[in-house]
Amino acid sequence: MCAEGEGPPPPELVAYFNLTQYRIPPRTGGQEMQVAGSLERMTAAANVYYAWKDFIGSSHKVKWQSENPDSWKICKRVMELRENG
């Protein structure tokens, strides 16, 4: 929903934005000081956000799908989750 401008970003995405824009990690210290799995969840949230945003912004969906097979896998999963909960 956030990628569609219809909701706030999840905490993992906020943390990703803060890390990439301001170089502020979720916790002080380096990578080893972060909560286990948090960096992976941040990366996953960003991957979903950017893939979905790119997909919905594409005017040629079929062409986009063939040119972005990894992102298309993410988008298909998003659609499945929306459909099945």
C-alpha atoms as a PDB file:
ATOM      1  CA  MET A   1       0.000   0.000   0.000  1.00  0.00           C
ATOM      2  CA  CYS A   2       2.868   2.350   0.772  1.00  0.00           C
ATOM      3  CA  ALA A   3       4.243   1.950  -2.767  1.00  0.00           C
ATOM      4  CA  GLU A   4       0.830   3.037  -4.035  1.00  0.00           C
ATOM      5  CA  GLY A   5       0.803   6.080  -1.770  1.00  0.00           C
ATOM      6  CA  GLU A   6      -2.067   4.658   0.286  1.00  0.00           C
ATOM      7  CA  GLY A   7      -0.467   3.912   3.599  1.00  0.00           C
ATOM      8  CA  PRO A   8       2.548   4.444   5.806  1.00  0.00           C
ATOM      9  CA  PRO A   9       5.704   2.442   5.223  1.00  0.00           C
ATOM     10  CA  PRO A  10       6.306  -0.544   7.495  1.00  0.00           C
ATOM     11  CA  PRO A  11       8.986  -0.090  10.167  1.00  0.00           C
ATOM     12  CA  GLU A  12      11.526  -2.117   8.181  1.00  0.00           C
ATOM     13  CA  LEU A  13      11.118   0.190   5.200  1.00  0.00           C
ATOM     14  CA  VAL A  14      11.438   3.300   7.372  1.00  0.00           C
ATOM     15  CA  ALA A  15      14.647   1.852   8.791  1.00  0.00           C
ATOM     16  CA  TYR A  16      15.886   1.113   5.254  1.00  0.00           C
ATOM     17  CA  PHE A  17      15.128   4.675   4.114  1.00  0.00           C
ATOM     18  CA  ASN A  18      16.917   6.085   7.175  1.00  0.00           C
ATOM     19  CA  LEU A  19      19.909   3.857   6.555  1.00  0.00           C
ATOM     20  CA  THR A  20      20.219   4.720   2.868  1.00  0.00           C
ATOM     21  CA  GLN A  21      19.402   8.411   3.112  1.00  0.00           C
ATOM     22  CA  TYR A  22      20.978   9.425   6.407  1.00  0.00           C
ATOM     23  CA  ARG A  23      23.332   6.494   7.069  1.00  0.00           C
ATOM     24  CA  ILE A  24      21.512   5.911  10.363  1.00  0.00           C
ATOM     25  CA  PRO A  25      21.264   2.209  11.251  1.00  0.00           C
ATOM     26  CA  PRO A  26      18.354   1.012  13.397  1.00  0.00           C
ATOM     27  CA  ARG A  27      20.730   0.553  16.340  1.00  0.00           C
ATOM     28  CA  THR A  28      23.986   2.305  17.101  1.00  0.00           C
ATOM     29  CA  GLY A  29      27.083   0.451  16.098  1.00  0.00           C
ATOM     30  CA  GLY A  30      27.971  -1.537  13.043  1.00  0.00           C
ATOM     31  CA  GLN A  31      26.324  -4.438  11.302  1.00  0.00           C
ATOM     32  CA  GLU A  32      27.139  -6.811  14.165  1.00  0.00           C
ATOM     33  CA  MET A  33      25.205  -4.611  16.608  1.00  0.00           C
ATOM     34  CA  GLN A  34      21.908  -4.868  14.720  1.00  0.00           C
ATOM     35  CA  VAL A  35      19.102  -7.169  15.819  1.00  0.00           C
ATOM     36  CA  ALA A  36      19.472 -10.543  14.136  1.00  0.00           C
ATOM     37  CA  GLY A  37      17.681 -10.552  10.784  1.00  0.00           C
ATOM     38  CA  SER A  38      16.811  -6.851  10.806  1.00  0.00           C
ATOM     39  CA  LEU A  39      19.042  -5.942   7.863  1.00  0.00           C
ATOM     40  CA  GLU A  40      17.611  -8.816   5.827  1.00  0.00           C
ATOM     41  CA  ARG A  41      14.034  -7.702   6.636  1.00  0.00           C
ATOM     42  CA  MET A  42      14.909  -4.119   5.679  1.00  0.00           C
ATOM     43  CA  THR A  43      16.334  -5.298   2.357  1.00  0.00           C
ATOM     44  CA  ALA A  44      13.314  -7.502   1.688  1.00  0.00           C
ATOM     45  CA  ALA A  45      10.923  -4.629   2.428  1.00  0.00           C
ATOM     46  CA  ALA A  46      12.851  -2.342   0.082  1.00  0.00           C
ATOM     47  CA  ASN A  47      12.903  -4.981  -2.665  1.00  0.00           C
ATOM     48  CA  VAL A  48       9.126  -5.382  -2.448  1.00  0.00           C
ATOM     49  CA  TYR A  49       8.556  -1.620  -2.313  1.00  0.00           C
ATOM     50  CA  TYR A  50      10.692  -0.831  -5.352  1.00  0.00           C
ATOM     51  CA  ALA A  51       9.503  -3.809  -7.411  1.00  0.00           C
ATOM     52  CA  TRP A  52       5.831  -3.005  -6.790  1.00  0.00           C
ATOM     53  CA  LYS A  53       6.304   0.725  -7.355  1.00  0.00           C
ATOM     54  CA  ASP A  54       8.091   0.030 -10.631  1.00  0.00           C
ATOM     55  CA  PHE A  55       5.429  -2.470 -11.734  1.00  0.00           C
ATOM     56  CA  ILE A  56       2.432  -0.241 -11.029  1.00  0.00           C
ATOM     57  CA  GLY A  57       4.174   2.680 -12.718  1.00  0.00           C
ATOM     58  CA  SER A  58       4.829   0.730 -15.892  1.00  0.00           C
ATOM     59  CA  SER A  59       2.572   1.475 -18.832  1.00  0.00           C
ATOM     60  CA  HIS A  60       3.549  -1.780 -20.598  1.00  0.00           C
ATOM     61  CA  LYS A  61       3.066  -4.498 -17.963  1.00  0.00           C
ATOM     62  CA  VAL A  62       3.833  -7.494 -20.206  1.00  0.00           C
ATOM     63  CA  LYS A  63       7.064  -5.937 -21.447  1.00  0.00           C
ATOM     64  CA  TRP A  64       8.002  -4.966 -17.901  1.00  0.00           C
ATOM     65  CA  GLN A  65       7.395  -8.530 -16.703  1.00  0.00           C
ATOM     66  CA  SER A  66       9.700  -9.997 -19.350  1.00  0.00           C
ATOM     67  CA  GLU A  67      12.402  -7.389 -18.691  1.00  0.00           C
ATOM     68  CA  ASN A  68      12.251  -7.742 -14.893  1.00  0.00           C
ATOM     69  CA  PRO A  69      11.769 -11.434 -14.100  1.00  0.00           C
ATOM     70  CA  ASP A  70      13.022 -11.250 -10.501  1.00  0.00           C
ATOM     71  CA  SER A  71      10.897  -8.218  -9.683  1.00  0.00           C
ATOM     72  CA  TRP A  72       7.948  -9.873 -11.399  1.00  0.00           C
ATOM     73  CA  LYS A  73       8.267 -12.853  -9.021  1.00  0.00           C
ATOM     74  CA  ILE A  74       8.007 -10.421  -6.118  1.00  0.00           C
ATOM     75  CA  CYS A  75       4.978  -8.695  -7.643  1.00  0.00           C
ATOM     76  CA  LYS A  76       3.201 -11.993  -8.294  1.00  0.00           C
ATOM     77  CA  ARG A  77       3.690 -12.897  -4.643  1.00  0.00           C
ATOM     78  CA  VAL A  78       2.295  -9.526  -3.561  1.00  0.00           C
ATOM     79  CA  MET A  79      -0.790 -10.156  -5.709  1.00  0.00           C
ATOM     80  CA  GLU A  80      -1.184 -13.650  -4.220  1.00  0.00           C
ATOM     81  CA  LEU A  81      -0.974 -12.309  -0.695  1.00  0.00           C
ATOM     82  CA  ARG A  82      -3.507  -9.597  -1.445  1.00  0.00           C
ATOM     83  CA  GLU A  83      -5.867 -12.158  -2.934  1.00  0.00           C
ATOM     84  CA  ASN A  84      -5.497 -14.856  -0.280  1.00  0.00           C
ATOM     85  CA  GLY A  85      -4.509 -12.834   2.763  1.00  0.00           C
END
